[in-house]
Amino acid sequence: MGESNNKIICPDCEAIIEMNVDTAVGDILECSECGTEVELLSKDPLKYSELTEQK
């Protein structure tokens, strides 16, 4: 799980994942650099986790 100062950092490539003002808790965001998906768990404090595929 990642935590940063209002910036979501991709757990794979460490690029910043942009978050819109209307982004809500539970939304899934995708890294524009590598395609990794993260789920927004909380906005204050900012918490998110990487989504992994179930195989």
Protein backbone atom coordinates (compact mmCIF):
# COMPACT_ATOMS: atom_id res chain seq x y z
CA MET A 1 0.00 0.00 0.00
CA GLY A 2 1.32 3.42 -0.86
CA GLU A 3 1.11 6.73 0.92
CA SER A 4 2.41 10.07 -0.30
CA ASN A 5 1.63 13.77 0.02
CA ASN A 6 -1.43 13.96 -2.26
CA LYS A 7 0.43 12.24 -5.08
CA ILE A 8 -0.13 8.68 -6.13
CA ILE A 9 3.18 7.07 -7.05
CA CYS A 10 3.04 4.01 -9.30
CA PRO A 11 4.27 0.98 -7.32
CA ASP A 12 5.91 -0.46 -10.45
CA CYS A 13 7.61 2.40 -12.30
CA GLU A 14 7.36 5.21 -9.68
CA ALA A 15 5.68 7.64 -12.10
CA ILE A 16 3.07 10.02 -10.69
CA ILE A 17 -0.49 8.84 -11.36
CA GLU A 18 -2.75 11.83 -11.94
CA MET A 19 -5.80 12.18 -9.73
CA ASN A 20 -8.70 14.44 -10.82
CA VAL A 21 -10.66 16.61 -8.40
CA ASP A 22 -13.66 14.34 -8.91
CA THR A 23 -11.70 11.15 -8.20
CA ALA A 24 -13.56 9.25 -5.47
CA VAL A 25 -12.56 6.62 -2.94
CA GLY A 26 -12.85 3.23 -4.63
CA ASP A 27 -11.91 4.56 -8.07
CA ILE A 28 -9.32 2.64 -10.05
CA LEU A 29 -6.59 4.75 -11.63
CA GLU A 30 -4.15 3.61 -14.31
CA CYS A 31 -0.51 4.63 -14.65
CA SER A 32 -0.01 6.34 -18.00
CA GLU A 33 3.59 5.09 -18.14
CA CYS A 34 3.24 1.34 -17.52
CA GLY A 35 -0.49 0.60 -17.21
CA THR A 36 -0.41 -0.54 -13.57
CA GLU A 37 -3.77 -0.04 -11.87
CA VAL A 38 -4.19 1.25 -8.32
CA GLU A 39 -7.34 1.60 -6.22
CA LEU A 40 -7.88 4.75 -4.19
CA LEU A 41 -8.60 3.62 -0.61
CA SER A 42 -8.69 7.00 1.17
CA LYS A 43 -8.23 10.65 0.25
CA ASP A 44 -7.37 12.02 3.71
CA PRO A 45 -4.92 10.60 4.48
CA LEU A 46 -4.10 9.51 0.95
CA LYS A 47 -3.95 5.72 0.72
CA TYR A 48 -3.99 3.45 -2.30
CA SER A 49 -3.05 -0.07 -3.25
CA GLU A 50 -1.96 -1.81 -6.42
CA LEU A 51 -4.52 -4.04 -8.08
CA THR A 52 -3.19 -7.46 -8.99
CA GLU A 53 -4.73 -9.93 -11.39
CA GLN A 54 -6.22 -13.08 -9.94
CA LYS A 55 -5.06 -16.09 -11.97
